Amino acid sequence: MNIETLKKQAAEKAVEQVQSGMVLGLGTGSTTRYAVIKIGELWQAGDLTDIVALPTSVQTAELAQTYGIPLTSLDQQPKLDLAIDGADEVDPQLNLIKGHGGALLREKMVESAAARFIVVVDTSKIVTKLGTRYALPIEVVKFGWKAQIQWLESFGYHPEIRGGEQDPFVTDNGNYIIHCDFPDGIADPAGLADQLINRVGVVEHGLFLNMASEVIVAGENGLSFLKRG
């Protein structure tokens, strides 16, 4: 079974928890795309009614609009019933690294506002320690971004500007993203999260700690379910 089939299975299983009347958070990325498509199909078929969705990126908004899913904003809907999104890494405590789709700030804002946050992944995203497979994305303002690189280097975090210095990637919020590599993984995710968010000029980071309610994992032997507590 190929990876795309596994992603689709996990995403569509999460959508089974979507009910009519819900305010939904729609994540960004290749796995979550399948969830948005399924929700769109159910909406068009009339099997889901009276829903509104809050997309976490321009890309997700455009996909939702092709199915006619009604969209909203955090200003209009500051509390959500359910958010569905993928992750780059998931550790045994259901802590996550997210942001390789470039939408980590909006994802964290939306998913923090959700009563429940379901994560959909394939088995390749399961790790024993965060930072062992993927770099940690950190969103920073454009102004003074090289100073952020120097600051991160001083701790040995191996920072690089996403897209390269000549053509850096720009988020939907008009910011840059710096990727930091941790060859031995992240020893203290909570401590690192505090250190990063307290740095002036750092907008947000890709450590999503104590946020996931449930993780649906698709593997060769089917689906497995990881739940907090």
C-alpha atoms as a PDB file:
ATOM      1  CA  MET A   1       0.000   0.000   0.000  1.00  0.00           C
ATOM      2  CA  ASN A   2       1.528   3.318  -1.031  1.00  0.00           C
ATOM      3  CA  ILE A   3       1.975   6.341   1.203  1.00  0.00           C
ATOM      4  CA  GLU A   4      -0.787   8.386  -0.408  1.00  0.00           C
ATOM      5  CA  THR A   5      -3.325   5.630   0.210  1.00  0.00           C
ATOM      6  CA  LEU A   6      -2.307   5.553   3.869  1.00  0.00           C
ATOM      7  CA  LYS A   7      -2.635   9.322   4.191  1.00  0.00           C
ATOM      8  CA  LYS A   8      -6.088   9.208   2.611  1.00  0.00           C
ATOM      9  CA  GLN A   9      -7.220   6.474   5.022  1.00  0.00           C
ATOM     10  CA  ALA A  10      -6.138   8.433   8.095  1.00  0.00           C
ATOM     11  CA  ALA A  11      -7.689  11.680   6.880  1.00  0.00           C
ATOM     12  CA  GLU A  12     -11.019  10.133   5.953  1.00  0.00           C
ATOM     13  CA  LYS A  13     -11.212   8.336   9.294  1.00  0.00           C
ATOM     14  CA  ALA A  14     -10.850  11.682  11.056  1.00  0.00           C
ATOM     15  CA  VAL A  15     -13.646  13.136   8.951  1.00  0.00           C
ATOM     16  CA  GLU A  16     -16.004  10.502  10.392  1.00  0.00           C
ATOM     17  CA  GLN A  17     -15.976  12.651  13.550  1.00  0.00           C
ATOM     18  CA  VAL A  18     -17.218  15.714  11.697  1.00  0.00           C
ATOM     19  CA  GLN A  19     -20.894  16.438  12.325  1.00  0.00           C
ATOM     20  CA  SER A  20     -23.386  18.866  10.848  1.00  0.00           C
ATOM     21  CA  GLY A  21     -23.468  22.208  12.624  1.00  0.00           C
ATOM     22  CA  MET A  22     -19.767  22.185  13.521  1.00  0.00           C
ATOM     23  CA  VAL A  23     -17.233  24.976  13.285  1.00  0.00           C
ATOM     24  CA  LEU A  24     -14.184  23.262  11.770  1.00  0.00           C
ATOM     25  CA  GLY A  25     -10.494  24.061  11.582  1.00  0.00           C
ATOM     26  CA  LEU A  26      -8.942  22.842   8.337  1.00  0.00           C
ATOM     27  CA  GLY A  27      -5.194  22.270   8.408  1.00  0.00           C
ATOM     28  CA  THR A  28      -2.597  22.517   5.672  1.00  0.00           C
ATOM     29  CA  GLY A  29      -0.530  19.838   3.976  1.00  0.00           C
ATOM     30  CA  SER A  30      -0.661  16.729   1.844  1.00  0.00           C
ATOM     31  CA  THR A  31      -2.484  14.540   4.375  1.00  0.00           C
ATOM     32  CA  THR A  32      -5.012  17.133   5.497  1.00  0.00           C
ATOM     33  CA  ARG A  33      -5.847  17.811   1.859  1.00  0.00           C
ATOM     34  CA  TYR A  34      -7.644  14.457   1.773  1.00  0.00           C
ATOM     35  CA  ALA A  35      -9.733  15.486   4.785  1.00  0.00           C
ATOM     36  CA  VAL A  36     -10.756  18.752   3.128  1.00  0.00           C
ATOM     37  CA  ILE A  37     -11.712  16.903  -0.043  1.00  0.00           C
ATOM     38  CA  LYS A  38     -13.828  14.392   1.895  1.00  0.00           C
ATOM     39  CA  ILE A  39     -15.573  17.148   3.852  1.00  0.00           C
ATOM     40  CA  GLY A  40     -16.221  18.921   0.552  1.00  0.00           C
ATOM     41  CA  GLU A  41     -17.734  15.807  -0.975  1.00  0.00           C
ATOM     42  CA  LEU A  42     -19.995  15.280   2.038  1.00  0.00           C
ATOM     43  CA  TRP A  43     -21.017  18.930   1.941  1.00  0.00           C
ATOM     44  CA  GLN A  44     -21.895  18.789  -1.740  1.00  0.00           C
ATOM     45  CA  ALA A  45     -23.852  15.562  -1.236  1.00  0.00           C
ATOM     46  CA  GLY A  46     -25.876  17.133   1.555  1.00  0.00           C
ATOM     47  CA  ASP A  47     -24.580  14.650   4.127  1.00  0.00           C
ATOM     48  CA  LEU A  48     -23.019  17.541   6.072  1.00  0.00           C
ATOM     49  CA  THR A  49     -25.050  20.696   6.639  1.00  0.00           C
ATOM     50  CA  ASP A  50     -24.708  23.954   8.531  1.00  0.00           C
ATOM     51  CA  ILE A  51     -20.923  23.768   8.840  1.00  0.00           C
ATOM     52  CA  VAL A  52     -18.411  26.586   8.613  1.00  0.00           C
ATOM     53  CA  ALA A  53     -14.692  26.063   8.198  1.00  0.00           C
ATOM     54  CA  LEU A  54     -11.661  28.066   9.214  1.00  0.00           C
ATOM     55  CA  PRO A  55      -8.713  27.348   6.863  1.00  0.00           C
ATOM     56  CA  THR A  56      -5.158  27.643   8.123  1.00  0.00           C
ATOM     57  CA  SER A  57      -3.684  28.807   4.815  1.00  0.00           C
ATOM     58  CA  VAL A  58      -4.568  30.429   1.509  1.00  0.00           C
ATOM     59  CA  GLN A  59      -3.942  27.048  -0.122  1.00  0.00           C
ATOM     60  CA  THR A  60      -6.482  25.283   2.101  1.00  0.00           C
ATOM     61  CA  ALA A  61      -9.002  28.095   1.654  1.00  0.00           C
ATOM     62  CA  GLU A  62      -8.782  27.777  -2.123  1.00  0.00           C
ATOM     63  CA  LEU A  63      -9.303  24.010  -1.957  1.00  0.00           C
ATOM     64  CA  ALA A  64     -12.310  24.376   0.377  1.00  0.00           C
ATOM     65  CA  GLN A  65     -13.829  27.006  -1.898  1.00  0.00           C
ATOM     66  CA  THR A  66     -13.781  24.624  -4.866  1.00  0.00           C
ATOM     67  CA  TYR A  67     -16.316  22.520  -2.946  1.00  0.00           C
ATOM     68  CA  GLY A  68     -18.344  25.498  -1.793  1.00  0.00           C
ATOM     69  CA  ILE A  69     -17.541  24.936   1.893  1.00  0.00           C
ATOM     70  CA  PRO A  70     -18.575  28.081   3.809  1.00  0.00           C
ATOM     71  CA  LEU A  71     -15.512  29.775   5.296  1.00  0.00           C
ATOM     72  CA  THR A  72     -15.149  31.866   8.415  1.00  0.00           C
ATOM     73  CA  SER A  73     -12.391  33.538  10.440  1.00  0.00           C
ATOM     74  CA  LEU A  74     -11.159  33.574  14.026  1.00  0.00           C
ATOM     75  CA  ASP A  75     -12.643  37.037  14.383  1.00  0.00           C
ATOM     76  CA  GLN A  76     -16.090  35.624  13.567  1.00  0.00           C
ATOM     77  CA  GLN A  77     -15.625  32.240  15.254  1.00  0.00           C
ATOM     78  CA  PRO A  78     -13.098  32.427  18.122  1.00  0.00           C
ATOM     79  CA  LYS A  79     -14.099  28.942  19.329  1.00  0.00           C
ATOM     80  CA  LEU A  80     -14.041  25.830  17.151  1.00  0.00           C
ATOM     81  CA  ASP A  81     -15.580  22.417  17.696  1.00  0.00           C
ATOM     82  CA  LEU A  82     -12.926  20.395  15.878  1.00  0.00           C
ATOM     83  CA  ALA A  83      -9.691  20.886  13.962  1.00  0.00           C
ATOM     84  CA  ILE A  84      -8.054  18.314  11.684  1.00  0.00           C
ATOM     85  CA  ASP A  85      -4.441  18.605  10.566  1.00  0.00           C
ATOM     86  CA  GLY A  86      -1.329  16.598   9.833  1.00  0.00           C
ATOM     87  CA  ALA A  87       2.075  16.703  11.525  1.00  0.00           C
ATOM     88  CA  ASP A  88       5.719  16.296  10.600  1.00  0.00           C
ATOM     89  CA  GLU A  89       6.543  14.381  13.781  1.00  0.00           C
ATOM     90  CA  VAL A  90       4.552  12.881  16.661  1.00  0.00           C
ATOM     91  CA  ASP A  91       6.250  11.742  19.876  1.00  0.00           C
ATOM     92  CA  PRO A  92       4.934   9.253  22.497  1.00  0.00           C
ATOM     93  CA  GLN A  93       3.304  12.104  24.481  1.00  0.00           C
ATOM     94  CA  LEU A  94       1.471  13.259  21.317  1.00  0.00           C
ATOM     95  CA  ASN A  95       3.614  16.363  21.086  1.00  0.00           C
ATOM     96  CA  LEU A  96       4.198  17.497  17.523  1.00  0.00           C
ATOM     97  CA  ILE A  97       6.523  19.244  15.166  1.00  0.00           C
ATOM     98  CA  LYS A  98       4.522  21.040  12.487  1.00  0.00           C
ATOM     99  CA  GLY A  99       5.176  23.746   9.944  1.00  0.00           C
ATOM    100  CA  HIS A 100       6.886  22.200   6.941  1.00  0.00           C
ATOM    101  CA  GLY A 101       3.848  23.258   4.938  1.00  0.00           C
ATOM    102  CA  GLY A 102       4.730  26.831   5.880  1.00  0.00           C
ATOM    103  CA  ALA A 103       1.509  27.559   7.796  1.00  0.00           C
ATOM    104  CA  LEU A 104       2.521  26.969  11.399  1.00  0.00           C
ATOM    105  CA  LEU A 105       1.362  30.316  12.823  1.00  0.00           C
ATOM    106  CA  ARG A 106      -2.192  30.095  11.524  1.00  0.00           C
ATOM    107  CA  GLU A 107      -2.306  26.380  12.293  1.00  0.00           C
ATOM    108  CA  LYS A 108      -1.382  26.985  15.918  1.00  0.00           C
ATOM    109  CA  MET A 109      -3.853  29.847  16.278  1.00  0.00           C
ATOM    110  CA  VAL A 110      -6.718  27.814  14.833  1.00  0.00           C
ATOM    111  CA  GLU A 111      -5.897  24.563  16.596  1.00  0.00           C
ATOM    112  CA  SER A 112      -5.439  26.281  19.950  1.00  0.00           C
ATOM    113  CA  ALA A 113      -8.997  27.575  19.599  1.00  0.00           C
ATOM    114  CA  ALA A 114     -10.461  24.108  18.921  1.00  0.00           C
ATOM    115  CA  ALA A 115     -12.193  22.017  21.586  1.00  0.00           C
ATOM    116  CA  ARG A 116     -10.679  18.941  19.919  1.00  0.00           C
ATOM    117  CA  PHE A 117      -7.674  18.624  17.624  1.00  0.00           C
ATOM    118  CA  ILE A 118      -7.273  15.425  15.613  1.00  0.00           C
ATOM    119  CA  VAL A 119      -3.919  14.765  13.956  1.00  0.00           C
ATOM    120  CA  VAL A 120      -3.709  12.506  10.890  1.00  0.00           C
ATOM    121  CA  VAL A 121      -0.382  10.922   9.900  1.00  0.00           C
ATOM    122  CA  ASP A 122       1.219   7.839   8.443  1.00  0.00           C
ATOM    123  CA  THR A 123       3.659   5.713  10.417  1.00  0.00           C
ATOM    124  CA  SER A 124       6.707   7.545   9.048  1.00  0.00           C
ATOM    125  CA  LYS A 125       5.793  10.541  11.231  1.00  0.00           C
ATOM    126  CA  ILE A 126       5.949   8.635  14.521  1.00  0.00           C
ATOM    127  CA  VAL A 127       9.194   9.282  16.439  1.00  0.00           C
ATOM    128  CA  THR A 128      10.524   8.521  19.900  1.00  0.00           C
ATOM    129  CA  LYS A 129      11.971  12.027  20.215  1.00  0.00           C
ATOM    130  CA  LEU A 130      11.028  15.273  18.465  1.00  0.00           C
ATOM    131  CA  GLY A 131      13.549  16.700  16.035  1.00  0.00           C
ATOM    132  CA  THR A 132      15.044  13.376  14.978  1.00  0.00           C
ATOM    133  CA  ARG A 133      13.643  13.329  11.432  1.00  0.00           C
ATOM    134  CA  TYR A 134      12.533  16.860  10.633  1.00  0.00           C
ATOM    135  CA  ALA A 135      13.961  20.290  11.219  1.00  0.00           C
ATOM    136  CA  LEU A 136      12.041  22.602  13.525  1.00  0.00           C
ATOM    137  CA  PRO A 137      10.434  25.514  11.632  1.00  0.00           C
ATOM    138  CA  ILE A 138      10.528  28.918  13.323  1.00  0.00           C
ATOM    139  CA  GLU A 139       8.579  31.831  11.857  1.00  0.00           C
ATOM    140  CA  VAL A 140      10.343  35.190  12.181  1.00  0.00           C
ATOM    141  CA  VAL A 141       9.667  38.714  10.957  1.00  0.00           C
ATOM    142  CA  LYS A 142      11.673  39.770   7.917  1.00  0.00           C
ATOM    143  CA  PHE A 143      13.248  42.685   9.748  1.00  0.00           C
ATOM    144  CA  GLY A 144      16.508  41.547  11.309  1.00  0.00           C
ATOM    145  CA  TRP A 145      16.151  37.900  10.332  1.00  0.00           C
ATOM    146  CA  LYS A 146      19.914  37.459  10.039  1.00  0.00           C
ATOM    147  CA  ALA A 147      20.212  38.434  13.686  1.00  0.00           C
ATOM    148  CA  GLN A 148      17.862  35.565  14.483  1.00  0.00           C
ATOM    149  CA  ILE A 149      20.117  33.204  12.545  1.00  0.00           C
ATOM    150  CA  GLN A 150      23.099  34.371  14.592  1.00  0.00           C
ATOM    151  CA  TRP A 151      21.159  34.010  17.844  1.00  0.00           C
ATOM    152  CA  LEU A 152      20.052  30.472  16.993  1.00  0.00           C
ATOM    153  CA  GLU A 153      23.576  29.553  15.903  1.00  0.00           C
ATOM    154  CA  SER A 154      24.874  30.609  19.311  1.00  0.00           C
ATOM    155  CA  PHE A 155      22.954  27.690  20.842  1.00  0.00           C
ATOM    156  CA  GLY A 156      24.091  25.177  18.212  1.00  0.00           C
ATOM    157  CA  TYR A 157      20.651  24.852  16.616  1.00  0.00           C
ATOM    158  CA  HIS A 158      21.994  24.738  13.016  1.00  0.00           C
ATOM    159  CA  PRO A 159      19.626  27.370  11.539  1.00  0.00           C
ATOM    160  CA  GLU A 160      18.984  27.907   7.815  1.00  0.00           C
ATOM    161  CA  ILE A 161      16.585  30.275   6.108  1.00  0.00           C
ATOM    162  CA  ARG A 162      13.906  28.320   4.257  1.00  0.00           C
ATOM    163  CA  GLY A 163      14.278  28.715   0.502  1.00  0.00           C
ATOM    164  CA  GLY A 164      17.789  30.129   0.752  1.00  0.00           C
ATOM    165  CA  GLU A 165      19.024  33.665   1.245  1.00  0.00           C
ATOM    166  CA  GLN A 166      18.502  34.622  -2.416  1.00  0.00           C
ATOM    167  CA  ASP A 167      14.853  33.540  -2.556  1.00  0.00           C
ATOM    168  CA  PRO A 168      13.500  32.967   0.952  1.00  0.00           C
ATOM    169  CA  PHE A 169      10.086  31.386   1.433  1.00  0.00           C
ATOM    170  CA  VAL A 170       7.456  33.911   2.540  1.00  0.00           C
ATOM    171  CA  THR A 171       4.537  32.773   4.689  1.00  0.00           C
ATOM    172  CA  ASP A 172       0.913  33.843   4.206  1.00  0.00           C
ATOM    173  CA  ASN A 173       1.623  36.310   7.020  1.00  0.00           C
ATOM    174  CA  GLY A 174       4.529  37.931   5.169  1.00  0.00           C
ATOM    175  CA  ASN A 175       7.211  36.404   7.390  1.00  0.00           C
ATOM    176  CA  TYR A 176      10.252  34.180   6.870  1.00  0.00           C
ATOM    177  CA  ILE A 177      10.814  30.690   8.229  1.00  0.00           C
ATOM    178  CA  ILE A 178      14.080  29.446   9.687  1.00  0.00           C
ATOM    179  CA  HIS A 179      14.648  25.701   9.938  1.00  0.00           C
ATOM    180  CA  CYS A 180      16.745  24.421  12.851  1.00  0.00           C
ATOM    181  CA  ASP A 181      18.320  20.968  12.889  1.00  0.00           C
ATOM    182  CA  PHE A 182      18.871  18.984  16.077  1.00  0.00           C
ATOM    183  CA  PRO A 183      21.111  16.009  15.186  1.00  0.00           C
ATOM    184  CA  ASP A 184      20.346  14.260  18.493  1.00  0.00           C
ATOM    185  CA  GLY A 185      16.731  15.377  18.695  1.00  0.00           C
ATOM    186  CA  ILE A 186      15.227  17.991  21.017  1.00  0.00           C
ATOM    187  CA  ALA A 187      16.090  17.145  24.621  1.00  0.00           C
ATOM    188  CA  ASP A 188      13.633  19.562  26.261  1.00  0.00           C
ATOM    189  CA  PRO A 189      10.795  20.598  23.908  1.00  0.00           C
ATOM    190  CA  ALA A 190       8.979  22.654  26.557  1.00  0.00           C
ATOM    191  CA  GLY A 191      12.129  24.542  27.508  1.00  0.00           C
ATOM    192  CA  LEU A 192      12.981  25.195  23.871  1.00  0.00           C
ATOM    193  CA  ALA A 193       9.441  26.390  23.172  1.00  0.00           C
ATOM    194  CA  ASP A 194       9.690  28.926  25.993  1.00  0.00           C
ATOM    195  CA  GLN A 195      13.106  30.097  24.862  1.00  0.00           C
ATOM    196  CA  LEU A 196      11.964  30.657  21.281  1.00  0.00           C
ATOM    197  CA  ILE A 197       8.644  32.372  21.946  1.00  0.00           C
ATOM    198  CA  ASN A 198      10.322  34.813  24.353  1.00  0.00           C
ATOM    199  CA  ARG A 199      12.768  35.967  21.684  1.00  0.00           C
ATOM    200  CA  VAL A 200      11.784  39.331  20.202  1.00  0.00           C
ATOM    201  CA  GLY A 201      11.248  38.922  16.455  1.00  0.00           C
ATOM    202  CA  VAL A 202      10.267  35.261  16.653  1.00  0.00           C
ATOM    203  CA  VAL A 203       6.595  35.130  15.710  1.00  0.00           C
ATOM    204  CA  GLU A 204       5.928  31.437  16.411  1.00  0.00           C
ATOM    205  CA  HIS A 205       7.596  28.018  16.361  1.00  0.00           C
ATOM    206  CA  GLY A 206       6.616  24.576  15.157  1.00  0.00           C
ATOM    207  CA  LEU A 207       6.499  22.843  18.545  1.00  0.00           C
ATOM    208  CA  PHE A 208       2.840  21.966  19.151  1.00  0.00           C
ATOM    209  CA  LEU A 209       2.938  20.728  22.733  1.00  0.00           C
ATOM    210  CA  ASN A 210      -0.021  19.318  24.684  1.00  0.00           C
ATOM    211  CA  MET A 211      -2.412  20.241  21.882  1.00  0.00           C
ATOM    212  CA  ALA A 212      -3.394  17.019  20.073  1.00  0.00           C
ATOM    213  CA  SER A 213      -6.491  15.271  21.421  1.00  0.00           C
ATOM    214  CA  GLU A 214      -6.031  12.229  19.222  1.00  0.00           C
ATOM    215  CA  VAL A 215      -3.623  10.980  16.563  1.00  0.00           C
ATOM    216  CA  ILE A 216      -4.843   8.680  13.797  1.00  0.00           C
ATOM    217  CA  VAL A 217      -1.936   6.716  12.341  1.00  0.00           C
ATOM    218  CA  ALA A 218      -2.212   4.861   9.050  1.00  0.00           C
ATOM    219  CA  GLY A 219       0.177   1.943   8.543  1.00  0.00           C
ATOM    220  CA  GLU A 220       0.540  -1.175   6.443  1.00  0.00           C
ATOM    221  CA  ASN A 221      -1.566  -3.099   8.951  1.00  0.00           C
ATOM    222  CA  GLY A 222      -4.360  -0.540   9.059  1.00  0.00           C
ATOM    223  CA  LEU A 223      -5.255   2.344  11.345  1.00  0.00           C
ATOM    224  CA  SER A 224      -4.175   2.834  14.939  1.00  0.00           C
ATOM    225  CA  PHE A 225      -5.415   5.445  17.387  1.00  0.00           C
ATOM    226  CA  LEU A 226      -3.365   7.336  19.949  1.00  0.00           C
ATOM    227  CA  LYS A 227      -5.266   9.384  22.511  1.00  0.00           C
ATOM    228  CA  ARG A 228      -4.096  11.789  25.161  1.00  0.00           C
ATOM    229  CA  GLY A 229      -4.463  10.619  28.738  1.00  0.00           C
END
